[in-house]
Amino acid sequence: MIEFEEFNESADKGTGPDLTPLIDMVFLLLIFFLLTSFFARPSIPVDLPQASEAEVAESQDVTITIEKGGGIMLNGEHLRQRKLEETLEWIYSSTDAKEAVIQSDREVPFGRVVEVMDIAKRAGAEGISFLVEHPK
């Protein structure tokens, strides 16, 4: 049988398009979506209480978080109790919104939640709502 060298060389090289750029793009997209989904989650680990009759609030200008250990955060920044009242007074005096949303870990004593509510009221909050989780 007669063998042609040109035919054997093309068979060794393989036929079809180079898939390397396609695979690179797929990996880049995968990394992008993994990172964006990771950062889309709330960064504050709070185990919210459940409420079956909760309503969805339209806006959340001021969010006060009470952590499991009793620490307080205002819009994601750690604050001491005295600084919380000063900051809330400044926020409420400079804007028309007078609402406060409190999200508290379910293991925080109720007395601590009442203290934070009292601070918000003294600072000028006219409405206080609680961030809860719907039961599944």
Protein backbone atom coordinates (compact mmCIF):
# COMPACT_ATOMS: atom_id res chain seq x y z
CA MET A 1 0.00 0.00 0.00
CA ILE A 2 1.19 3.51 -0.79
CA GLU A 3 1.49 6.02 2.05
CA PHE A 4 1.49 9.77 1.49
CA GLU A 5 3.48 11.93 3.90
CA GLU A 6 1.18 14.94 3.59
CA PHE A 7 -1.82 12.92 4.68
CA ASN A 8 -0.06 11.51 7.77
CA GLU A 9 1.14 14.96 8.93
CA SER A 10 -2.34 16.50 8.83
CA ALA A 11 -3.77 13.54 10.75
CA ASP A 12 -1.17 14.00 13.51
CA LYS A 13 -1.88 17.71 13.90
CA GLY A 14 -5.62 17.17 14.39
CA THR A 15 -8.40 19.05 12.73
CA GLY A 16 -10.83 21.57 14.13
CA PRO A 17 -10.66 24.93 15.86
CA ASP A 18 -8.43 25.74 18.81
CA LEU A 19 -10.62 25.59 21.95
CA THR A 20 -8.11 27.16 24.34
CA PRO A 21 -9.55 30.72 24.16
CA LEU A 22 -13.08 29.37 24.65
CA ILE A 23 -12.04 27.39 27.73
CA ASP A 24 -10.23 30.46 29.12
CA MET A 25 -13.37 32.58 28.74
CA VAL A 26 -15.52 29.92 30.40
CA PHE A 27 -13.19 29.83 33.40
CA LEU A 28 -13.11 33.63 33.64
CA LEU A 29 -16.91 33.80 33.58
CA LEU A 30 -17.13 31.06 36.20
CA ILE A 31 -14.76 32.94 38.51
CA PHE A 32 -16.65 36.19 37.90
CA PHE A 33 -20.04 34.70 38.82
CA LEU A 34 -18.64 32.88 41.85
CA LEU A 35 -17.11 36.08 43.21
CA THR A 36 -20.16 38.23 42.55
CA SER A 37 -22.47 35.71 44.19
CA PHE A 38 -20.15 35.60 47.21
CA PHE A 39 -20.19 39.39 47.64
CA ALA A 40 -23.95 39.64 47.08
CA ARG A 41 -24.62 37.91 50.40
CA PRO A 42 -24.95 39.96 53.57
CA SER A 43 -21.55 40.37 55.17
CA ILE A 44 -22.92 40.42 58.71
CA PRO A 45 -23.67 36.94 60.03
CA VAL A 46 -26.90 37.46 61.96
CA ASP A 47 -29.35 34.66 62.68
CA LEU A 48 -32.62 36.55 62.21
CA PRO A 49 -35.81 35.63 64.05
CA GLN A 50 -38.70 34.28 61.99
CA ALA A 51 -42.10 35.93 61.52
CA SER A 52 -44.90 34.61 59.33
CA GLU A 53 -46.76 37.94 59.16
CA ALA A 54 -43.83 40.15 58.13
CA GLU A 55 -44.19 42.94 55.57
CA VAL A 56 -41.60 44.12 53.08
CA ALA A 57 -40.34 47.65 53.75
CA GLU A 58 -39.80 49.98 50.83
CA SER A 59 -36.56 51.66 51.90
CA GLN A 60 -33.90 51.13 54.52
CA ASP A 61 -32.02 54.35 55.13
CA VAL A 62 -30.69 53.44 58.57
CA THR A 63 -29.96 49.83 59.50
CA ILE A 64 -28.89 49.06 63.06
CA THR A 65 -27.46 45.59 63.59
CA ILE A 66 -27.17 44.00 67.03
CA GLU A 67 -24.66 41.18 66.91
CA LYS A 68 -24.76 37.98 68.94
CA GLY A 69 -22.20 39.30 71.42
CA GLY A 70 -24.12 42.56 71.89
CA GLY A 71 -22.01 44.72 69.56
CA ILE A 72 -23.77 47.41 67.54
CA MET A 73 -23.31 48.25 63.88
CA LEU A 74 -24.82 51.18 62.00
CA ASN A 75 -25.07 50.59 58.23
CA GLY A 76 -22.26 48.05 58.47
CA GLU A 77 -19.86 50.06 60.69
CA HIS A 78 -19.09 49.07 64.29
CA LEU A 79 -19.97 51.77 66.80
CA ARG A 80 -20.07 52.20 70.55
CA GLN A 81 -23.43 52.92 72.14
CA ARG A 82 -22.65 56.60 72.79
CA LYS A 83 -21.37 57.14 69.25
CA LEU A 84 -24.52 55.44 67.87
CA GLU A 85 -26.78 58.08 69.37
CA GLU A 86 -24.60 60.95 68.09
CA THR A 87 -24.45 59.50 64.59
CA LEU A 88 -28.19 58.84 64.46
CA GLU A 89 -28.91 62.41 65.62
CA TRP A 90 -26.71 63.72 62.82
CA ILE A 91 -28.36 61.46 60.20
CA TYR A 92 -31.90 62.35 61.28
CA SER A 93 -31.16 66.08 61.41
CA SER A 94 -29.68 66.10 57.90
CA THR A 95 -32.33 64.00 56.09
CA ASP A 96 -36.09 63.80 55.86
CA ALA A 97 -36.14 60.04 56.47
CA LYS A 98 -36.79 59.25 60.12
CA GLU A 99 -37.01 55.46 59.88
CA ALA A 100 -34.75 52.89 61.53
CA VAL A 101 -34.50 49.20 60.72
CA ILE A 102 -33.17 46.96 63.49
CA GLN A 103 -31.78 43.55 62.69
CA SER A 104 -30.86 41.52 65.70
CA ASP A 105 -29.56 38.02 66.18
CA ARG A 106 -32.25 35.83 67.71
CA GLU A 107 -30.01 35.03 70.69
CA VAL A 108 -29.60 38.69 71.71
CA PRO A 109 -31.48 39.41 74.96
CA PHE A 110 -34.63 41.46 74.44
CA GLY A 111 -33.37 44.06 76.91
CA ARG A 112 -30.48 44.88 74.57
CA VAL A 113 -32.90 45.34 71.66
CA VAL A 114 -35.02 47.71 73.79
CA GLU A 115 -31.90 49.74 74.68
CA VAL A 116 -31.09 50.20 70.99
CA MET A 117 -34.73 51.11 70.24
CA ASP A 118 -34.60 53.73 72.99
CA ILE A 119 -31.37 55.18 71.57
CA ALA A 120 -32.94 55.44 68.11
CA LYS A 121 -36.07 57.13 69.51
CA ARG A 122 -34.00 59.65 71.51
CA ALA A 123 -31.96 60.41 68.38
CA GLY A 124 -35.11 61.26 66.43
CA ALA A 125 -36.38 58.07 64.81
CA GLU A 126 -40.12 58.29 64.21
CA GLY A 127 -40.58 54.72 63.01
CA ILE A 128 -38.74 51.55 63.95
CA SER A 129 -39.09 48.26 62.13
CA PHE A 130 -37.41 44.90 62.55
CA LEU A 131 -35.69 42.80 59.92
CA VAL A 132 -36.96 39.22 60.22
CA GLU A 133 -36.85 36.04 58.18
CA HIS A 134 -39.91 34.32 56.72
CA PRO A 135 -40.26 30.69 57.81
CA LYS A 136 -39.59 28.25 55.01
